[in-house]
């Protein structure tokens, strides 16, 4: 629930978002949220985490600091989604180079949060669930705040960016990695 809470906290800081709040359709989307979450975990984007957090993160953390490894994965992860920018079915805002930059920033920040979750829990499954909760929560936020920045801008990730900055500062870039890995360079 932490990642959806970061998303909600961030969108409430956006101008006009709170005034756009509605309960219309919210109960039905919240009722289907557990099934949607399960679907994303078993079939959807959450499975990417086996590669990003289960394989790449430990390998990169052997060579780089946890923060640098997370940022590298974040940039690769954003690039992984680049072909979707060419489709009509993907709903991520991409109408300007600034929106694309915001998307890369949010994905890199999310990578920091996901890496912290993976390191702290020692569980790739925890990262899979967190990833699924992001994907599922965005649909809930779009229903709850129609016509707001949530739908038309990648600023929906403001809470993720702020959360990642806090995690990086509080852990001093270690992102929950165990002591024997602390001597790695940025």
Protein backbone atom coordinates (compact mmCIF):
# COMPACT_ATOMS: atom_id res chain seq x y z
CA UNK A 1 0.00 0.00 0.00
CA UNK A 2 3.03 2.28 0.30
CA UNK A 3 3.48 2.86 -3.42
CA UNK A 4 -0.21 3.74 -4.02
CA UNK A 5 0.02 6.06 -1.00
CA UNK A 6 3.00 7.83 -2.61
CA UNK A 7 1.02 8.21 -5.83
CA UNK A 8 -2.01 9.61 -4.00
CA UNK A 9 0.11 12.00 -1.92
CA UNK A 10 1.82 13.30 -5.04
CA UNK A 11 -1.33 13.87 -7.08
CA UNK A 12 -2.99 15.77 -4.24
CA UNK A 13 -0.15 18.31 -4.51
CA UNK A 14 -0.95 19.03 -8.16
CA UNK A 15 -2.97 22.19 -8.87
CA UNK A 16 -6.69 21.54 -9.32
CA UNK A 17 -6.50 17.84 -8.55
CA UNK A 18 -8.38 17.89 -5.26
CA UNK A 19 -11.18 19.96 -6.76
CA UNK A 20 -11.63 17.37 -9.53
CA UNK A 21 -12.21 14.51 -7.06
CA UNK A 22 -15.35 12.47 -7.64
CA UNK A 23 -16.74 9.24 -6.26
CA UNK A 24 -18.55 8.48 -9.54
CA UNK A 25 -17.33 5.08 -10.68
CA UNK A 26 -14.87 4.83 -7.81
CA UNK A 27 -16.62 2.02 -5.94
CA UNK A 28 -16.66 -0.28 -8.97
CA UNK A 29 -13.00 0.34 -9.80
CA UNK A 30 -12.02 -0.26 -6.17
CA UNK A 31 -14.01 -3.51 -6.12
CA UNK A 32 -12.15 -4.78 -9.18
CA UNK A 33 -8.75 -3.50 -7.98
CA UNK A 34 -7.74 -6.77 -6.24
CA UNK A 35 -8.47 -8.76 -9.41
CA UNK A 36 -6.66 -6.21 -11.54
CA UNK A 37 -3.68 -6.36 -9.17
CA UNK A 38 -3.61 -10.15 -9.39
CA UNK A 39 -3.82 -10.01 -13.19
CA UNK A 40 -0.90 -7.57 -13.39
CA UNK A 41 1.14 -9.72 -10.98
CA UNK A 42 0.52 -12.93 -12.92
CA UNK A 43 0.32 -11.70 -16.50
CA UNK A 44 1.19 -8.02 -16.72
CA UNK A 45 3.97 -5.55 -16.16
CA UNK A 46 4.78 -6.83 -12.69
CA UNK A 47 6.58 -9.78 -14.26
CA UNK A 48 9.20 -7.37 -15.62
CA UNK A 49 10.57 -7.25 -12.09
CA UNK A 50 12.00 -10.76 -12.38
CA UNK A 51 14.42 -9.25 -14.88
CA UNK A 52 14.86 -5.75 -13.42
CA UNK A 53 15.01 -6.55 -9.68
CA UNK A 54 15.56 -10.30 -9.67
CA UNK A 55 18.42 -10.42 -12.17
CA UNK A 56 19.78 -7.00 -13.18
CA UNK A 57 19.72 -5.29 -9.79
CA UNK A 58 21.91 -7.82 -7.92
CA UNK A 59 24.35 -7.95 -10.86
CA UNK A 60 24.63 -4.16 -11.14
CA UNK A 61 24.97 -3.76 -7.38
CA UNK A 62 28.10 -5.94 -7.55
CA UNK A 63 29.71 -3.21 -9.63
CA UNK A 64 27.86 0.01 -8.70
CA UNK A 65 26.26 1.53 -5.65
CA UNK A 66 22.61 0.60 -5.10
CA UNK A 67 21.50 4.12 -6.07
CA UNK A 68 23.49 4.11 -9.31
CA UNK A 69 22.27 0.59 -10.13
CA UNK A 70 18.67 1.69 -9.56
CA UNK A 71 19.08 4.75 -11.77
CA UNK A 72 20.70 2.71 -14.55
CA UNK A 73 17.84 0.22 -14.40
CA UNK A 74 15.38 3.13 -14.39
CA UNK A 75 16.75 4.57 -17.63
CA UNK A 76 16.79 1.11 -19.24
CA UNK A 77 13.29 0.47 -17.95
CA UNK A 78 11.99 3.71 -19.47
CA UNK A 79 13.69 2.75 -22.75
CA UNK A 80 12.03 -0.68 -22.56
CA UNK A 81 8.68 1.10 -22.70
CA UNK A 82 9.69 3.45 -25.55
CA UNK A 83 7.96 1.40 -28.29
CA UNK A 84 4.67 1.95 -26.46
CA UNK A 85 5.01 5.68 -27.18
CA UNK A 86 4.33 4.79 -30.82
CA UNK A 87 1.01 3.06 -30.10
CA UNK A 88 -2.45 4.53 -29.73
CA UNK A 89 -3.50 2.17 -26.94
CA UNK A 90 -0.97 3.30 -24.32
CA UNK A 91 -2.38 6.12 -22.21
CA UNK A 92 0.86 7.68 -20.90
CA UNK A 93 1.05 11.39 -21.82
CA UNK A 94 3.67 11.94 -24.52
CA UNK A 95 2.53 15.00 -26.43
CA UNK A 96 5.83 16.86 -25.88
CA UNK A 97 9.49 16.19 -25.20
CA UNK A 98 8.87 17.52 -21.68
CA UNK A 99 6.24 14.82 -21.04
CA UNK A 100 8.69 12.17 -22.25
CA UNK A 101 11.38 13.62 -19.95
CA UNK A 102 8.91 13.54 -17.03
CA UNK A 103 8.11 9.92 -17.83
CA UNK A 104 11.81 8.96 -17.74
CA UNK A 105 12.24 10.90 -14.47
CA UNK A 106 9.27 9.16 -12.85
CA UNK A 107 10.39 5.71 -14.03
CA UNK A 108 13.94 6.32 -12.75
CA UNK A 109 12.50 7.47 -9.41
CA UNK A 110 10.20 4.45 -9.29
CA UNK A 111 13.25 2.28 -9.93
CA UNK A 112 14.87 3.74 -6.80
CA UNK A 113 11.77 2.92 -4.74
CA UNK A 114 11.50 -0.57 -6.25
CA UNK A 115 15.19 -1.25 -5.62
CA UNK A 116 14.77 -0.20 -2.01
CA UNK A 117 11.78 -2.53 -1.69
CA UNK A 118 13.75 -5.41 -3.26
CA UNK A 119 16.87 -4.83 -1.16
CA UNK A 120 14.99 -4.29 2.08
CA UNK A 121 12.74 -7.32 1.70
CA UNK A 122 15.23 -9.55 -0.14
CA UNK A 123 12.21 -10.50 -2.24
CA UNK A 124 11.62 -10.03 -5.94
CA UNK A 125 7.97 -10.88 -5.26
CA UNK A 126 7.69 -7.70 -3.15
CA UNK A 127 8.92 -5.68 -6.15
CA UNK A 128 6.46 -7.48 -8.44
CA UNK A 129 3.56 -6.58 -6.13
CA UNK A 130 4.77 -2.97 -5.85
CA UNK A 131 5.02 -2.67 -9.65
CA UNK A 132 1.51 -4.08 -10.04
CA UNK A 133 0.21 -1.64 -7.43
CA UNK A 134 1.54 1.29 -9.49
CA UNK A 135 -0.13 0.09 -12.67
CA UNK A 136 -3.40 -0.66 -10.89
CA UNK A 137 -3.43 2.55 -8.86
CA UNK A 138 -3.07 4.79 -11.90
CA UNK A 139 -6.43 3.57 -13.16
CA UNK A 140 -8.03 4.28 -9.79
CA UNK A 141 -6.53 7.78 -9.70
CA UNK A 142 -7.74 8.56 -13.22
CA UNK A 143 -11.31 7.63 -12.19
CA UNK A 144 -11.10 9.52 -8.87
CA UNK A 145 -9.62 12.70 -10.37
CA UNK A 146 -11.03 12.99 -13.93
CA UNK A 147 -9.75 15.79 -16.12
CA UNK A 148 -6.88 16.56 -13.73
CA UNK A 149 -3.12 16.45 -14.21
CA UNK A 150 -3.38 12.72 -13.41
CA UNK A 151 -4.80 12.10 -16.89
CA UNK A 152 -2.95 14.68 -18.96
CA UNK A 153 0.55 14.87 -17.50
CA UNK A 154 3.26 12.59 -16.19
CA UNK A 155 3.26 14.71 -13.05
CA UNK A 156 1.12 11.85 -11.65
CA UNK A 157 4.51 10.52 -10.48
CA UNK A 158 5.37 13.51 -8.28
CA UNK A 159 4.88 11.46 -5.10
CA UNK A 160 7.15 8.74 -6.48
CA UNK A 161 9.87 11.31 -7.27
CA UNK A 162 9.61 12.82 -3.77
CA UNK A 163 9.54 9.35 -2.17
CA UNK A 164 12.61 8.25 -4.14
CA UNK A 165 14.50 11.38 -3.08
CA UNK A 166 13.60 10.71 0.56
CA UNK A 167 14.64 7.04 0.32
CA UNK A 168 17.95 7.96 -1.34
CA UNK A 169 18.70 10.59 1.32
CA UNK A 170 17.60 8.54 4.33
CA UNK A 171 19.53 5.44 3.22
CA UNK A 172 22.45 7.54 1.95
CA UNK A 173 22.09 5.84 -1.42
CA UNK A 174 22.29 2.30 0.01
CA UNK A 175 18.61 1.58 -0.65
CA UNK A 176 18.39 -1.08 2.04
CA UNK A 177 21.33 -3.14 0.77
CA UNK A 178 23.04 -5.18 3.48
CA UNK A 179 26.28 -3.97 5.10
CA UNK A 180 28.81 -6.01 3.10
CA UNK A 181 27.84 -4.11 -0.07
CA UNK A 182 28.35 -0.58 1.33
CA UNK A 183 31.84 0.06 -0.06
CA UNK A 184 30.67 0.35 -3.67
CA UNK A 185 31.35 3.57 -5.57
CA UNK A 186 28.76 5.75 -7.23
